Amino acid sequence: MTNLQEYMLPCLNKTLFGIECTGCGAQRAAVLLFQGEFSKAFFMYPAIYSLLVLLAFLLFNLFYKFRYDYSIKMGLIIFNAVIIAIAYIIKMIHIFN
């Protein structure tokens, strides 16, 4: 697992425009997560854990339907969008300063 960087997809936005996108770091964070580097994964991509919660809920909801599942899904999606947006804004502020 040491040469996983060779197999990662490059960011098209960063390649073409030189600016990172909102998903930059997610692949590396997933690799860090699988390697057991939990805090490094969070600092690489802060939404990694909330996205895992959303994914787990969506998989669970495929098999078990219950009341208010739509509201929970929408709440988790909005929560993830906010985390991703805030992390992106902070990253852009640090890059341009």
PDB file of N, CA and C in Angstrom:
ATOM      1  N   MET A   1       0.808  -1.201   0.000  1.00  0.00           N
ATOM      2  CA  MET A   1       0.000   0.000   0.000  1.00  0.00           C
ATOM      3  C   MET A   1       0.846   1.257   0.000  1.00  0.00           C
ATOM      4  N   THR A   2       2.115   1.114  -0.237  1.00  0.00           N
ATOM      5  CA  THR A   2       2.963   2.299  -0.193  1.00  0.00           C
ATOM      6  C   THR A   2       2.891   3.122  -1.468  1.00  0.00           C
ATOM      7  N   ASN A   3       2.583   2.497  -2.595  1.00  0.00           N
ATOM      8  CA  ASN A   3       2.558   3.217  -3.864  1.00  0.00           C
ATOM      9  C   ASN A   3       1.148   3.471  -4.361  1.00  0.00           C
ATOM     10  N   LEU A   4       0.215   3.699  -3.475  1.00  0.00           N
ATOM     11  CA  LEU A   4      -1.154   3.966  -3.894  1.00  0.00           C
ATOM     12  C   LEU A   4      -1.298   5.301  -4.607  1.00  0.00           C
ATOM     13  N   GLN A   5      -0.372   6.206  -4.382  1.00  0.00           N
ATOM     14  CA  GLN A   5      -0.418   7.506  -5.048  1.00  0.00           C
ATOM     15  C   GLN A   5      -0.386   7.349  -6.570  1.00  0.00           C
ATOM     16  N   GLU A   6       0.274   6.287  -7.049  1.00  0.00           N
ATOM     17  CA  GLU A   6       0.368   6.058  -8.489  1.00  0.00           C
ATOM     18  C   GLU A   6      -0.985   5.713  -9.105  1.00  0.00           C
ATOM     19  N   TYR A   7      -1.887   5.149  -8.319  1.00  0.00           N
ATOM     20  CA  TYR A   7      -3.162   4.676  -8.832  1.00  0.00           C
ATOM     21  C   TYR A   7      -4.320   5.633  -8.589  1.00  0.00           C
ATOM     22  N   MET A   8      -4.066   6.751  -7.946  1.00  0.00           N
ATOM     23  CA  MET A   8      -5.125   7.701  -7.663  1.00  0.00           C
ATOM     24  C   MET A   8      -5.453   8.540  -8.889  1.00  0.00           C
ATOM     25  N   LEU A   9      -6.709   8.887  -9.014  1.00  0.00           N
ATOM     26  CA  LEU A   9      -7.151   9.724 -10.125  1.00  0.00           C
ATOM     27  C   LEU A   9      -6.721  11.164  -9.883  1.00  0.00           C
ATOM     28  N   PRO A  10      -6.199  11.830 -10.895  1.00  0.00           N
ATOM     29  CA  PRO A  10      -5.829  13.236 -10.714  1.00  0.00           C
ATOM     30  C   PRO A  10      -7.072  14.121 -10.742  1.00  0.00           C
ATOM     31  N   CYS A  11      -6.992  15.235 -10.074  1.00  0.00           N
ATOM     32  CA  CYS A  11      -8.094  16.195 -10.073  1.00  0.00           C
ATOM     33  C   CYS A  11      -8.064  16.976 -11.380  1.00  0.00           C
ATOM     34  N   LEU A  12      -9.118  16.861 -12.153  1.00  0.00           N
ATOM     35  CA  LEU A  12      -9.187  17.537 -13.447  1.00  0.00           C
ATOM     36  C   LEU A  12      -9.206  19.055 -13.267  1.00  0.00           C
ATOM     37  N   ASN A  13      -9.914  19.524 -12.249  1.00  0.00           N
ATOM     38  CA  ASN A  13      -9.988  20.961 -11.985  1.00  0.00           C
ATOM     39  C   ASN A  13      -8.606  21.521 -11.648  1.00  0.00           C
ATOM     40  N   LYS A  14      -7.872  20.807 -10.817  1.00  0.00           N
ATOM     41  CA  LYS A  14      -6.540  21.274 -10.432  1.00  0.00           C
ATOM     42  C   LYS A  14      -5.568  21.182 -11.608  1.00  0.00           C
ATOM     43  N   THR A  15      -5.729  20.153 -12.434  1.00  0.00           N
ATOM     44  CA  THR A  15      -4.868  19.992 -13.600  1.00  0.00           C
ATOM     45  C   THR A  15      -5.098  21.103 -14.619  1.00  0.00           C
ATOM     46  N   LEU A  16      -6.361  21.423 -14.885  1.00  0.00           N
ATOM     47  CA  LEU A  16      -6.677  22.414 -15.913  1.00  0.00           C
ATOM     48  C   LEU A  16      -6.538  23.858 -15.436  1.00  0.00           C
ATOM     49  N   PHE A  17      -7.010  24.120 -14.209  1.00  0.00           N
ATOM     50  CA  PHE A  17      -7.083  25.504 -13.741  1.00  0.00           C
ATOM     51  C   PHE A  17      -6.098  25.840 -12.622  1.00  0.00           C
ATOM     52  N   GLY A  18      -5.498  24.823 -12.014  1.00  0.00           N
ATOM     53  CA  GLY A  18      -4.546  25.062 -10.940  1.00  0.00           C
ATOM     54  C   GLY A  18      -5.185  25.342  -9.597  1.00  0.00           C
ATOM     55  N   ILE A  19      -6.499  25.154  -9.489  1.00  0.00           N
ATOM     56  CA  ILE A  19      -7.218  25.397  -8.232  1.00  0.00           C
ATOM     57  C   ILE A  19      -7.876  24.090  -7.800  1.00  0.00           C
ATOM     58  N   GLU A  20      -7.730  23.767  -6.547  1.00  0.00           N
ATOM     59  CA  GLU A  20      -8.315  22.536  -6.040  1.00  0.00           C
ATOM     60  C   GLU A  20      -9.839  22.606  -6.047  1.00  0.00           C
ATOM     61  N   CYS A  21     -10.473  21.449  -6.209  1.00  0.00           N
ATOM     62  CA  CYS A  21     -11.935  21.385  -6.173  1.00  0.00           C
ATOM     63  C   CYS A  21     -12.385  21.008  -4.754  1.00  0.00           C
ATOM     64  N   THR A  22     -13.683  20.915  -4.558  1.00  0.00           N
ATOM     65  CA  THR A  22     -14.212  20.589  -3.232  1.00  0.00           C
ATOM     66  C   THR A  22     -13.953  19.140  -2.839  1.00  0.00           C
ATOM     67  N   GLY A  23     -13.595  18.311  -3.792  1.00  0.00           N
ATOM     68  CA  GLY A  23     -13.328  16.904  -3.493  1.00  0.00           C
ATOM     69  C   GLY A  23     -11.860  16.570  -3.370  1.00  0.00           C
ATOM     70  N   CYS A  24     -10.996  17.542  -3.605  1.00  0.00           N
ATOM     71  CA  CYS A  24      -9.559  17.286  -3.512  1.00  0.00           C
ATOM     72  C   CYS A  24      -9.197  16.852  -2.087  1.00  0.00           C
ATOM     73  N   GLY A  25      -8.518  15.747  -2.016  1.00  0.00           N
ATOM     74  CA  GLY A  25      -8.100  15.205  -0.732  1.00  0.00           C
ATOM     75  C   GLY A  25      -8.932  14.028  -0.273  1.00  0.00           C
ATOM     76  N   ALA A  26     -10.077  13.797  -0.907  1.00  0.00           N
ATOM     77  CA  ALA A  26     -10.950  12.704  -0.468  1.00  0.00           C
ATOM     78  C   ALA A  26     -10.312  11.338  -0.710  1.00  0.00           C
ATOM     79  N   GLN A  27      -9.664  11.160  -1.859  1.00  0.00           N
ATOM     80  CA  GLN A  27      -8.996   9.882  -2.136  1.00  0.00           C
ATOM     81  C   GLN A  27      -7.869   9.632  -1.148  1.00  0.00           C
ATOM     82  N   ARG A  28      -7.064  10.641  -0.929  1.00  0.00           N
ATOM     83  CA  ARG A  28      -5.939  10.487   0.005  1.00  0.00           C
ATOM     84  C   ARG A  28      -6.445  10.259   1.417  1.00  0.00           C
ATOM     85  N   ALA A  29      -7.543  10.924   1.790  1.00  0.00           N
ATOM     86  CA  ALA A  29      -8.120  10.730   3.120  1.00  0.00           C
ATOM     87  C   ALA A  29      -8.641   9.304   3.277  1.00  0.00           C
ATOM     88  N   ALA A  30      -9.241   8.754   2.222  1.00  0.00           N
ATOM     89  CA  ALA A  30      -9.725   7.375   2.283  1.00  0.00           C
ATOM     90  C   ALA A  30      -8.562   6.409   2.456  1.00  0.00           C
ATOM     91  N   VAL A  31      -7.466   6.648   1.758  1.00  0.00           N
ATOM     92  CA  VAL A  31      -6.287   5.789   1.903  1.00  0.00           C
ATOM     93  C   VAL A  31      -5.733   5.900   3.313  1.00  0.00           C
ATOM     94  N   LEU A  32      -5.645   7.122   3.829  1.00  0.00           N
ATOM     95  CA  LEU A  32      -5.163   7.309   5.201  1.00  0.00           C
ATOM     96  C   LEU A  32      -6.077   6.616   6.203  1.00  0.00           C
ATOM     97  N   LEU A  33      -7.365   6.645   5.942  1.00  0.00           N
ATOM     98  CA  LEU A  33      -8.330   5.984   6.817  1.00  0.00           C
ATOM     99  C   LEU A  33      -8.096   4.482   6.833  1.00  0.00           C
ATOM    100  N   PHE A  34      -7.891   3.895   5.662  1.00  0.00           N
ATOM    101  CA  PHE A  34      -7.640   2.462   5.579  1.00  0.00           C
ATOM    102  C   PHE A  34      -6.293   2.073   6.182  1.00  0.00           C
ATOM    103  N   GLN A  35      -5.364   3.008   6.224  1.00  0.00           N
ATOM    104  CA  GLN A  35      -4.062   2.748   6.837  1.00  0.00           C
ATOM    105  C   GLN A  35      -4.085   2.974   8.343  1.00  0.00           C
ATOM    106  N   GLY A  36      -5.208   3.440   8.874  1.00  0.00           N
ATOM    107  CA  GLY A  36      -5.329   3.649  10.305  1.00  0.00           C
ATOM    108  C   GLY A  36      -4.892   5.021  10.778  1.00  0.00           C
ATOM    109  N   GLU A  37      -4.641   5.928   9.877  1.00  0.00           N
ATOM    110  CA  GLU A  37      -4.232   7.293  10.208  1.00  0.00           C
ATOM    111  C   GLU A  37      -5.486   8.167  10.296  1.00  0.00           C
ATOM    112  N   PHE A  38      -6.231   8.025  11.381  1.00  0.00           N
ATOM    113  CA  PHE A  38      -7.557   8.640  11.481  1.00  0.00           C
ATOM    114  C   PHE A  38      -7.503  10.163  11.583  1.00  0.00           C
ATOM    115  N   SER A  39      -6.577  10.695  12.364  1.00  0.00           N
ATOM    116  CA  SER A  39      -6.510  12.154  12.485  1.00  0.00           C
ATOM    117  C   SER A  39      -5.959  12.782  11.209  1.00  0.00           C
ATOM    118  N   LYS A  40      -4.996  12.119  10.566  1.00  0.00           N
ATOM    119  CA  LYS A  40      -4.471  12.638   9.297  1.00  0.00           C
ATOM    120  C   LYS A  40      -5.551  12.632   8.221  1.00  0.00           C
ATOM    121  N   ALA A  41      -6.398  11.596   8.239  1.00  0.00           N
ATOM    122  CA  ALA A  41      -7.495  11.528   7.276  1.00  0.00           C
ATOM    123  C   ALA A  41      -8.451  12.692   7.474  1.00  0.00           C
ATOM    124  N   PHE A  42      -8.743  13.016   8.728  1.00  0.00           N
ATOM    125  CA  PHE A  42      -9.637  14.137   9.017  1.00  0.00           C
ATOM    126  C   PHE A  42      -9.041  15.454   8.536  1.00  0.00           C
ATOM    127  N   PHE A  43      -7.755  15.679   8.801  1.00  0.00           N
ATOM    128  CA  PHE A  43      -7.135  16.934   8.396  1.00  0.00           C
ATOM    129  C   PHE A  43      -6.944  17.015   6.881  1.00  0.00           C
ATOM    130  N   MET A  44      -6.851  15.873   6.227  1.00  0.00           N
ATOM    131  CA  MET A  44      -6.744  15.863   4.766  1.00  0.00           C
ATOM    132  C   MET A  44      -8.084  16.243   4.134  1.00  0.00           C
ATOM    133  N   TYR A  45      -9.179  15.673   4.671  1.00  0.00           N
ATOM    134  CA  TYR A  45     -10.515  15.936   4.130  1.00  0.00           C
ATOM    135  C   TYR A  45     -11.511  15.839   5.281  1.00  0.00           C
ATOM    136  N   PRO A  46     -11.887  16.956   5.881  1.00  0.00           N
ATOM    137  CA  PRO A  46     -12.711  16.945   7.093  1.00  0.00           C
ATOM    138  C   PRO A  46     -14.066  16.246   6.958  1.00  0.00           C
ATOM    139  N   ALA A  47     -14.594  16.138   5.772  1.00  0.00           N
ATOM    140  CA  ALA A  47     -15.915  15.523   5.605  1.00  0.00           C
ATOM    141  C   ALA A  47     -15.851  14.004   5.478  1.00  0.00           C
ATOM    142  N   ILE A  48     -14.687  13.400   5.631  1.00  0.00           N
ATOM    143  CA  ILE A  48     -14.549  11.964   5.406  1.00  0.00           C
ATOM    144  C   ILE A  48     -15.441  11.161   6.353  1.00  0.00           C
ATOM    145  N   TYR A  49     -15.513  11.547   7.601  1.00  0.00           N
ATOM    146  CA  TYR A  49     -16.308  10.770   8.561  1.00  0.00           C
ATOM    147  C   TYR A  49     -17.804  11.010   8.400  1.00  0.00           C
ATOM    148  N   SER A  50     -18.193  12.236   8.131  1.00  0.00           N
ATOM    149  CA  SER A  50     -19.616  12.489   7.932  1.00  0.00           C
ATOM    150  C   SER A  50     -20.104  11.857   6.624  1.00  0.00           C
ATOM    151  N   LEU A  51     -19.234  11.776   5.625  1.00  0.00           N
ATOM    152  CA  LEU A  51     -19.599  11.080   4.392  1.00  0.00           C
ATOM    153  C   LEU A  51     -19.745   9.582   4.625  1.00  0.00           C
ATOM    154  N   LEU A  52     -18.913   9.034   5.498  1.00  0.00           N
ATOM    155  CA  LEU A  52     -19.042   7.607   5.839  1.00  0.00           C
ATOM    156  C   LEU A  52     -20.358   7.341   6.573  1.00  0.00           C
ATOM    157  N   VAL A  53     -20.756   8.256   7.445  1.00  0.00           N
ATOM    158  CA  VAL A  53     -22.036   8.111   8.142  1.00  0.00           C
ATOM    159  C   VAL A  53     -23.183   8.170   7.128  1.00  0.00           C
ATOM    160  N   LEU A  54     -23.117   9.108   6.198  1.00  0.00           N
ATOM    161  CA  LEU A  54     -24.137   9.211   5.156  1.00  0.00           C
ATOM    162  C   LEU A  54     -24.183   7.942   4.313  1.00  0.00           C
ATOM    163  N   LEU A  55     -23.034   7.447   3.897  1.00  0.00           N
ATOM    164  CA  LEU A  55     -22.984   6.233   3.095  1.00  0.00           C
ATOM    165  C   LEU A  55     -23.551   5.041   3.863  1.00  0.00           C
ATOM    166  N   ALA A  56     -23.193   4.913   5.132  1.00  0.00           N
ATOM    167  CA  ALA A  56     -23.720   3.814   5.950  1.00  0.00           C
ATOM    168  C   ALA A  56     -25.237   3.922   6.084  1.00  0.00           C
ATOM    169  N   PHE A  57     -25.727   5.133   6.289  1.00  0.00           N
ATOM    170  CA  PHE A  57     -27.175   5.311   6.404  1.00  0.00           C
ATOM    171  C   PHE A  57     -27.874   4.972   5.098  1.00  0.00           C
ATOM    172  N   LEU A  58     -27.312   5.399   3.968  1.00  0.00           N
ATOM    173  CA  LEU A  58     -27.923   5.100   2.676  1.00  0.00           C
ATOM    174  C   LEU A  58     -27.949   3.598   2.398  1.00  0.00           C
ATOM    175  N   LEU A  59     -26.877   2.899   2.737  1.00  0.00           N
ATOM    176  CA  LEU A  59     -26.857   1.449   2.564  1.00  0.00           C
ATOM    177  C   LEU A  59     -27.868   0.768   3.483  1.00  0.00           C
ATOM    178  N   PHE A  60     -27.941   1.215   4.723  1.00  0.00           N
ATOM    179  CA  PHE A  60     -28.899   0.663   5.671  1.00  0.00           C
ATOM    180  C   PHE A  60     -30.329   0.906   5.186  1.00  0.00           C
ATOM    181  N   ASN A  61     -30.553   2.091   4.645  1.00  0.00           N
ATOM    182  CA  ASN A  61     -31.898   2.471   4.208  1.00  0.00           C
ATOM    183  C   ASN A  61     -32.330   1.744   2.930  1.00  0.00           C
ATOM    184  N   LEU A  62     -31.399   1.188   2.201  1.00  0.00           N
ATOM    185  CA  LEU A  62     -31.766   0.371   1.048  1.00  0.00           C
ATOM    186  C   LEU A  62     -32.556  -0.870   1.461  1.00  0.00           C
ATOM    187  N   PHE A  63     -32.211  -1.406   2.614  1.00  0.00           N
ATOM    188  CA  PHE A  63     -32.814  -2.652   3.067  1.00  0.00           C
ATOM    189  C   PHE A  63     -33.914  -2.450   4.102  1.00  0.00           C
ATOM    190  N   TYR A  64     -33.826  -1.375   4.870  1.00  0.00           N
ATOM    191  CA  TYR A  64     -34.805  -1.118   5.923  1.00  0.00           C
ATOM    192  C   TYR A  64     -35.397   0.270   5.740  1.00  0.00           C
ATOM    193  N   LYS A  65     -36.656   0.315   5.402  1.00  0.00           N
ATOM    194  CA  LYS A  65     -37.352   1.597   5.251  1.00  0.00           C
ATOM    195  C   LYS A  65     -38.045   1.924   6.574  1.00  0.00           C
ATOM    196  N   PHE A  66     -38.019   3.181   6.948  1.00  0.00           N
ATOM    197  CA  PHE A  66     -38.694   3.593   8.166  1.00  0.00           C
ATOM    198  C   PHE A  66     -39.153   5.035   8.045  1.00  0.00           C
ATOM    199  N   ARG A  67     -39.906   5.424   9.018  1.00  0.00           N
ATOM    200  CA  ARG A  67     -40.487   6.759   9.022  1.00  0.00           C
ATOM    201  C   ARG A  67     -39.382   7.811   9.160  1.00  0.00           C
ATOM    202  N   TYR A  68     -39.523   8.901   8.473  1.00  0.00           N
ATOM    203  CA  TYR A  68     -38.600  10.046   8.500  1.00  0.00           C
ATOM    204  C   TYR A  68     -37.239   9.748   7.885  1.00  0.00           C
ATOM    205  N   ASP A  69     -37.122   8.677   7.113  1.00  0.00           N
ATOM    206  CA  ASP A  69     -35.821   8.395   6.500  1.00  0.00           C
ATOM    207  C   ASP A  69     -35.431   9.477   5.490  1.00  0.00           C
ATOM    208  N   TYR A  70     -36.400  10.042   4.786  1.00  0.00           N
ATOM    209  CA  TYR A  70     -36.107  11.109   3.832  1.00  0.00           C
ATOM    210  C   TYR A  70     -35.556  12.342   4.557  1.00  0.00           C
ATOM    211  N   SER A  71     -36.142  12.694   5.673  1.00  0.00           N
ATOM    212  CA  SER A  71     -35.674  13.858   6.441  1.00  0.00           C
ATOM    213  C   SER A  71     -34.261  13.634   6.971  1.00  0.00           C
ATOM    214  N   ILE A  72     -33.981  12.429   7.417  1.00  0.00           N
ATOM    215  CA  ILE A  72     -32.639  12.115   7.916  1.00  0.00           C
ATOM    216  C   ILE A  72     -31.629  12.192   6.780  1.00  0.00           C
ATOM    217  N   LYS A  73     -31.982  11.625   5.626  1.00  0.00           N
ATOM    218  CA  LYS A  73     -31.080  11.684   4.461  1.00  0.00           C
ATOM    219  C   LYS A  73     -30.788  13.128   4.072  1.00  0.00           C
ATOM    220  N   MET A  74     -31.834  13.936   3.976  1.00  0.00           N
ATOM    221  CA  MET A  74     -31.637  15.325   3.588  1.00  0.00           C
ATOM    222  C   MET A  74     -30.807  16.080   4.629  1.00  0.00           C
ATOM    223  N   GLY A  75     -31.042  15.804   5.891  1.00  0.00           N
ATOM    224  CA  GLY A  75     -30.250  16.432   6.942  1.00  0.00           C
ATOM    225  C   GLY A  75     -28.781  16.062   6.843  1.00  0.00           C
ATOM    226  N   LEU A  76     -28.496  14.778   6.586  1.00  0.00           N
ATOM    227  CA  LEU A  76     -27.107  14.344   6.449  1.00  0.00           C
ATOM    228  C   LEU A  76     -26.455  14.939   5.197  1.00  0.00           C
ATOM    229  N   ILE A  77     -27.209  15.036   4.123  1.00  0.00           N
ATOM    230  CA  ILE A  77     -26.674  15.621   2.889  1.00  0.00           C
ATOM    231  C   ILE A  77     -26.346  17.102   3.093  1.00  0.00           C
ATOM    232  N   ILE A  78     -27.251  17.824   3.721  1.00  0.00           N
ATOM    233  CA  ILE A  78     -27.011  19.247   3.988  1.00  0.00           C
ATOM    234  C   ILE A  78     -25.836  19.415   4.941  1.00  0.00           C
ATOM    235  N   PHE A  79     -25.765  18.574   5.973  1.00  0.00           N
ATOM    236  CA  PHE A  79     -24.658  18.616   6.929  1.00  0.00           C
ATOM    237  C   PHE A  79     -23.324  18.402   6.210  1.00  0.00           C
ATOM    238  N   ASN A  80     -23.274  17.419   5.310  1.00  0.00           N
ATOM    239  CA  ASN A  80     -22.050  17.161   4.545  1.00  0.00           C
ATOM    240  C   ASN A  80     -21.711  18.320   3.626  1.00  0.00           C
ATOM    241  N   ALA A  81     -22.712  18.888   2.988  1.00  0.00           N
ATOM    242  CA  ALA A  81     -22.468  20.023   2.093  1.00  0.00           C
ATOM    243  C   ALA A  81     -21.887  21.207   2.854  1.00  0.00           C
ATOM    244  N   VAL A  82     -22.389  21.446   4.045  1.00  0.00           N
ATOM    245  CA  VAL A  82     -21.875  22.550   4.866  1.00  0.00           C
ATOM    246  C   VAL A  82     -20.432  22.289   5.271  1.00  0.00           C
ATOM    247  N   ILE A  83     -20.129  21.078   5.706  1.00  0.00           N
ATOM    248  CA  ILE A  83     -18.757  20.745   6.101  1.00  0.00           C
ATOM    249  C   ILE A  83     -17.814  20.891   4.913  1.00  0.00           C
ATOM    250  N   ILE A  84     -18.216  20.378   3.758  1.00  0.00           N
ATOM    251  CA  ILE A  84     -17.373  20.464   2.568  1.00  0.00           C
ATOM    252  C   ILE A  84     -17.162  21.925   2.166  1.00  0.00           C
ATOM    253  N   ALA A  85     -18.213  22.732   2.203  1.00  0.00           N
ATOM    254  CA  ALA A  85     -18.098  24.143   1.827  1.00  0.00           C
ATOM    255  C   ALA A  85     -17.195  24.908   2.790  1.00  0.00           C
ATOM    256  N   ILE A  86     -17.371  24.694   4.074  1.00  0.00           N
ATOM    257  CA  ILE A  86     -16.529  25.395   5.056  1.00  0.00           C
ATOM    258  C   ILE A  86     -15.076  24.983   4.921  1.00  0.00           C
ATOM    259  N   ALA A  87     -14.825  23.689   4.768  1.00  0.00           N
ATOM    260  CA  ALA A  87     -13.446  23.211   4.616  1.00  0.00           C
ATOM    261  C   ALA A  87     -12.813  23.773   3.348  1.00  0.00           C
ATOM    262  N   TYR A  88     -13.593  23.871   2.281  1.00  0.00           N
ATOM    263  CA  TYR A  88     -13.075  24.411   1.021  1.00  0.00           C
ATOM    264  C   TYR A  88     -12.746  25.897   1.155  1.00  0.00           C
ATOM    265  N   ILE A  89     -13.619  26.638   1.802  1.00  0.00           N
ATOM    266  CA  ILE A  89     -13.369  28.069   2.001  1.00  0.00           C
ATOM    267  C   ILE A  89     -12.117  28.287   2.837  1.00  0.00           C
ATOM    268  N   ILE A  90     -11.976  27.516   3.901  1.00  0.00           N
ATOM    269  CA  ILE A  90     -10.778  27.636   4.752  1.00  0.00           C
ATOM    270  C   ILE A  90      -9.527  27.283   3.968  1.00  0.00           C
ATOM    271  N   LYS A  91      -9.601  26.229   3.146  1.00  0.00           N
ATOM    272  CA  LYS A  91      -8.454  25.821   2.329  1.00  0.00           C
ATOM    273  C   LYS A  91      -8.082  26.914   1.332  1.00  0.00           C
ATOM    274  N   MET A  92      -9.077  27.527   0.704  1.00  0.00           N
ATOM    275  CA  MET A  92      -8.789  28.578  -0.279  1.00  0.00           C
ATOM    276  C   MET A  92      -8.222  29.824   0.389  1.00  0.00           C
ATOM    277  N   ILE A  93      -8.698  30.135   1.585  1.00  0.00           N
ATOM    278  CA  ILE A  93      -8.140  31.290   2.307  1.00  0.00           C
ATOM    279  C   ILE A  93      -6.674  31.072   2.628  1.00  0.00           C
ATOM    280  N   HIS A  94      -6.322  29.852   3.032  1.00  0.00           N
ATOM    281  CA  HIS A  94      -4.931  29.546   3.374  1.00  0.00           C
ATOM    282  C   HIS A  94      -4.047  29.490   2.137  1.00  0.00           C
ATOM    283  N   ILE A  95      -4.600  29.058   1.007  1.00  0.00           N
ATOM    284  CA  ILE A  95      -3.793  28.979  -0.219  1.00  0.00           C
ATOM    285  C   ILE A  95      -3.471  30.376  -0.760  1.00  0.00           C
ATOM    286  N   PHE A  96      -4.460  31.260  -0.734  1.00  0.00           N
ATOM    287  CA  PHE A  96      -4.268  32.584  -1.330  1.00  0.00           C
ATOM    288  C   PHE A  96      -3.663  33.602  -0.361  1.00  0.00           C
ATOM    289  N   ASN A  97      -3.402  33.216   0.851  1.00  0.00           N
ATOM    290  CA  ASN A  97      -2.748  34.141   1.800  1.00  0.00           C
ATOM    291  C   ASN A  97      -1.287  33.838   1.930  1.00  0.00           C
TER     292      ASN A  97
END
